[in-house]
Structure formats: structure tokens, C-alpha cells
Amino acid sequence: MTANLRDRLAVHPLKAARLVLGSVLVVDGIRARIVEVEAYGSPENGPWPDAAAHTYPGPTPRNAVMFGPAGHLYVYLSYGIHQCVNITAGPDGVGSGVLLRAAAIESGLERVRERRAVGDPDARLAAGPGRLGQALGITVADKGIDVLDPSSAVQLEIAARRGPVVAGPRIGISRAVDLPWRLWLQGHPSVSR
């Protein structure tokens, strides 16, 4: 079963993003339904050149996990404070991935509130990539975890989407801004603003 899921993620990052959208990430007793994602492509010489992707310069110590098999965590620190969580996609050796932009917490809300001691409504606790990382307690130390392994501390459960999908430009980038590679569940209250 794991090999089949890995094969389903070892595709064009936008197709992988459509698979991840609506699925559930399980970590530390928390279940979070992914309601917004962004696809990121390959280096310039790869099949899906994407100047906005961390893979664009080719493999580095920071992004090496993105060039491995699909279905692993790639976590990076943004602005020195936000833990941004990605699932690797594409075939082994071709760097690409799916940024998890927002999730709806389905269980483990008390644990999330401990981590995100803010007055946000429940629907906003993981609405944005930095909030999602903090809410789930995922850090750069988790980079490389195989989310398709049933014994992993972080697991991805592929599930059917709940609602229509909207596509638009990615957020917070300065290159390849015209690609409509951001996907979200239309009207969902946990989508980032």
C-alpha cells in the first residue's frame, strides 16, 4: 500500500498537490485536514522548471530530501521563525514538492492550543504555513520523515477532498508568480488569507 501511495506522489507536483489537498496529516495525537497547498517544481534542467522552488539551484544539503523518494517531509525555516512543512513529490532524483499552506484541526485541539497560545478561532489555528508548522509541532528536526510509513511520527493519510477546489497564484514569492499552483478548498474557513 505504501508503494502505491508513493507512486501516486511521484508525479508532476501539481498532480501530487491535488492528491495531498483534503488528506489528513497525523502527528502527536493531532489530526489535521489539509485545506490549502502549493506545488513547487524542479531545477532548471528538470521536467518542471520552477524558479520559485527550493530545488531550482539543484541539490544542496538544505534541500537534498526533496531529491529523494516522494512522501517525505521537507521542513525549512522561513524568516528565521516559521517552520514550513512540505511533502516531497516527483520521481526519485527529481526535486519537487508540495507546501502545506493551511489545515483544519479535526482532533487534538487542546494540544494545538497549548502550542498556539493565541485567541484565534479554532478554524484559524493552522491557517498559514507558519501557523500549521507551529500547531502540529513539526520542526526542521523532522526533515526526512517518511510520512507514508505507518510507524512514522508524522503520517499522511490520503483522503477524498471535501468540496470544490480553487486554483490561483502562489503567495509570498517573487519568481514564477504566474503559475496557478496554489490550490485550496473553496470557502473553507481554515484557508490562509
Protein backbone atom coordinates (compact mmCIF):
# COMPACT_ATOMS: atom_id res chain seq x y z
CA MET A 1 0.00 0.00 0.00
CA THR A 2 2.83 2.43 0.87
CA ALA A 3 4.49 1.79 -2.50
CA ASN A 4 1.22 2.59 -4.28
CA LEU A 5 0.84 5.89 -2.39
CA ARG A 6 4.48 6.76 -3.09
CA ASP A 7 3.89 6.11 -6.80
CA ARG A 8 0.83 8.38 -6.68
CA LEU A 9 3.02 11.19 -5.26
CA ALA A 10 5.92 10.51 -7.67
CA VAL A 11 4.28 12.65 -10.36
CA HIS A 12 4.11 16.28 -11.52
CA PRO A 13 3.99 18.38 -8.32
CA LEU A 14 0.63 19.93 -9.24
CA LYS A 15 -0.91 16.46 -9.57
CA ALA A 16 0.68 15.49 -6.24
CA ALA A 17 -0.72 18.69 -4.69
CA ARG A 18 -4.23 17.69 -5.83
CA LEU A 19 -3.74 14.33 -4.11
CA VAL A 20 -2.48 15.89 -0.86
CA LEU A 21 -5.26 18.52 -0.73
CA GLY A 22 -8.04 17.21 1.50
CA SER A 23 -5.85 14.50 3.01
CA VAL A 24 -5.08 14.26 6.72
CA LEU A 25 -1.74 14.75 8.48
CA VAL A 26 -1.49 12.85 11.77
CA VAL A 27 1.13 13.87 14.33
CA ASP A 28 1.34 13.78 18.12
CA GLY A 29 -2.32 12.85 18.60
CA ILE A 30 -3.47 15.61 16.23
CA ARG A 31 -5.41 15.07 13.01
CA ALA A 32 -5.25 17.99 10.59
CA ARG A 33 -7.11 18.04 7.26
CA ILE A 34 -5.04 19.84 4.62
CA VAL A 35 -7.18 22.58 3.05
CA GLU A 36 -4.56 24.60 1.13
CA VAL A 37 -1.34 23.65 -0.68
CA GLU A 38 1.18 24.99 -3.18
CA ALA A 39 3.09 22.91 -5.73
CA TYR A 40 6.79 23.56 -6.36
CA GLY A 41 8.66 22.15 -9.33
CA SER A 42 12.14 21.08 -10.30
CA PRO A 43 15.51 22.63 -11.07
CA GLU A 44 16.01 24.47 -14.34
CA ASN A 45 17.21 21.29 -16.07
CA GLY A 46 14.35 19.16 -14.66
CA PRO A 47 10.97 18.25 -16.13
CA TRP A 48 9.07 21.09 -14.36
CA PRO A 49 11.44 24.08 -14.10
CA ASP A 50 10.30 26.38 -11.30
CA ALA A 51 12.44 29.37 -10.38
CA ALA A 52 10.48 29.79 -7.12
CA ALA A 53 11.26 26.26 -5.88
CA HIS A 54 13.94 25.45 -3.31
CA THR A 55 15.04 22.75 -5.75
CA TYR A 56 15.81 25.23 -8.55
CA PRO A 57 19.55 25.55 -7.83
CA GLY A 58 19.86 21.75 -7.74
CA PRO A 59 20.61 19.52 -4.75
CA THR A 60 22.12 21.19 -1.67
CA PRO A 61 22.49 19.99 1.92
CA ARG A 62 19.35 22.01 2.79
CA ASN A 63 17.07 20.63 0.04
CA ALA A 64 18.57 17.14 -0.55
CA VAL A 65 15.47 15.35 0.84
CA MET A 66 13.42 16.89 -1.99
CA PHE A 67 15.51 14.90 -4.50
CA GLY A 68 14.78 11.59 -2.79
CA PRO A 69 11.66 9.46 -2.96
CA ALA A 70 8.25 11.09 -2.79
CA GLY A 71 6.38 11.10 0.51
CA HIS A 72 8.96 12.56 2.88
CA LEU A 73 8.90 15.74 4.95
CA TYR A 74 10.89 18.72 3.76
CA VAL A 75 10.80 21.32 6.54
CA TYR A 76 12.55 24.67 6.35
CA LEU A 77 12.72 27.79 8.47
CA SER A 78 11.18 30.89 6.89
CA TYR A 79 12.20 34.35 8.12
CA GLY A 80 14.10 32.62 10.90
CA ILE A 81 10.91 31.75 12.81
CA HIS A 82 8.30 29.86 10.75
CA GLN A 83 8.62 26.09 10.29
CA CYS A 84 7.23 25.45 6.78
CA VAL A 85 6.14 21.87 6.06
CA ASN A 86 6.32 20.23 2.64
CA ILE A 87 5.71 16.72 1.30
CA THR A 88 8.23 15.64 -1.34
CA ALA A 89 6.80 14.76 -4.74
CA GLY A 90 8.02 13.64 -8.14
CA PRO A 91 10.18 10.67 -9.08
CA ASP A 92 13.28 9.77 -7.05
CA GLY A 93 16.11 12.05 -8.18
CA VAL A 94 13.83 14.85 -9.43
CA GLY A 95 13.35 17.57 -6.82
CA SER A 96 9.81 18.84 -6.28
CA GLY A 97 7.27 19.11 -3.50
CA VAL A 98 4.01 20.31 -2.04
CA LEU A 99 3.95 23.08 0.58
CA LEU A 100 1.22 22.58 3.17
CA ARG A 101 -0.24 26.09 3.49
CA ALA A 102 -3.21 25.50 5.80
CA ALA A 103 -5.08 22.79 7.67
CA ALA A 104 -8.24 22.35 9.71
CA ILE A 105 -7.66 20.71 13.08
CA GLU A 106 -10.02 17.73 13.39
CA SER A 107 -8.74 16.31 16.67
CA GLY A 108 -6.13 17.21 19.24
CA LEU A 109 -7.34 20.78 19.53
CA GLU A 110 -6.20 21.08 23.16
CA ARG A 111 -2.63 20.18 22.17
CA VAL A 112 -2.72 22.70 19.33
CA ARG A 113 -3.98 25.43 21.68
CA GLU A 114 -1.02 24.69 24.01
CA ARG A 115 1.36 25.35 21.12
CA ARG A 116 -0.56 28.31 19.67
CA ALA A 117 -1.44 30.28 22.79
CA VAL A 118 -3.41 32.86 20.84
CA GLY A 119 -7.01 33.99 20.80
CA ASP A 120 -7.60 32.79 17.23
CA PRO A 121 -10.80 30.89 16.50
CA ASP A 122 -10.32 27.14 16.03
CA ALA A 123 -10.58 27.42 12.24
CA ARG A 124 -7.61 29.84 12.10
CA LEU A 125 -5.11 27.92 14.28
CA ALA A 126 -3.31 26.32 11.30
CA ALA A 127 -4.32 28.86 8.62
CA GLY A 128 -0.97 29.63 7.01
CA PRO A 129 2.27 27.69 6.61
CA GLY A 130 3.96 29.06 9.75
CA ARG A 131 0.86 28.52 11.86
CA LEU A 132 0.49 24.98 10.50
CA GLY A 133 4.05 24.05 11.46
CA GLN A 134 3.65 25.52 14.94
CA ALA A 135 0.21 23.98 15.51
CA LEU A 136 1.45 20.50 14.62
CA GLY A 137 4.81 20.86 16.38
CA ILE A 138 6.73 19.97 13.22
CA THR A 139 10.25 21.40 13.04
CA VAL A 140 13.32 21.19 10.82
CA ALA A 141 14.41 18.26 13.03
CA ASP A 142 11.59 16.29 11.35
CA LYS A 143 13.00 16.80 7.85
CA GLY A 144 13.23 13.48 6.03
CA ILE A 145 10.46 11.63 7.92
CA ASP A 146 8.65 9.19 5.64
CA VAL A 147 5.00 10.25 6.04
CA LEU A 148 3.82 7.11 4.22
CA ASP A 149 5.40 4.74 6.76
CA PRO A 150 2.70 3.64 9.25
CA SER A 151 5.27 3.66 12.06
CA SER A 152 6.40 7.27 11.46
CA ALA A 153 5.84 10.04 13.98
CA VAL A 154 4.17 12.06 11.19
CA GLN A 155 1.81 10.27 8.81
CA LEU A 156 -0.13 11.34 5.74
CA GLU A 157 -3.50 9.66 5.21
CA ILE A 158 -4.65 10.18 1.64
CA ALA A 159 -8.35 11.02 1.71
CA ALA A 160 -11.01 12.33 -0.61
CA ARG A 161 -11.36 16.10 -0.84
CA ARG A 162 -14.33 17.73 0.82
CA GLY A 163 -15.57 20.43 -1.51
CA PRO A 164 -14.62 22.10 -4.77
CA VAL A 165 -11.01 23.09 -5.46
CA VAL A 166 -9.87 26.56 -6.49
CA ALA A 167 -6.51 27.25 -8.20
CA GLY A 168 -4.59 30.50 -8.19
CA PRO A 169 -1.12 32.03 -7.99
CA ARG A 170 1.25 31.08 -5.20
CA ILE A 171 1.76 33.52 -2.33
CA GLY A 172 4.88 35.23 -0.98
CA ILE A 173 7.22 34.53 -3.89
CA SER A 174 8.91 36.86 -6.35
CA ARG A 175 9.70 34.42 -9.18
CA ALA A 176 7.39 32.24 -11.28
CA VAL A 177 4.46 34.16 -9.82
CA ASP A 178 2.23 33.47 -12.82
CA LEU A 179 1.90 29.72 -12.20
CA PRO A 180 -1.55 28.86 -10.76
CA TRP A 181 -0.02 26.22 -8.49
CA ARG A 182 -1.79 27.20 -5.26
CA LEU A 183 -4.85 25.04 -4.55
CA TRP A 184 -7.42 25.37 -1.80
CA LEU A 185 -10.83 24.08 -0.80
CA GLN A 186 -13.30 26.74 -1.87
CA GLY A 187 -14.85 28.65 1.02
CA HIS A 188 -13.12 26.64 3.75
CA PRO A 189 -12.66 28.81 6.88
CA SER A 190 -9.13 27.45 7.54
CA VAL A 191 -7.65 28.62 4.22
CA SER A 192 -4.97 31.27 4.74
CA ARG A 193 -5.80 34.88 3.97
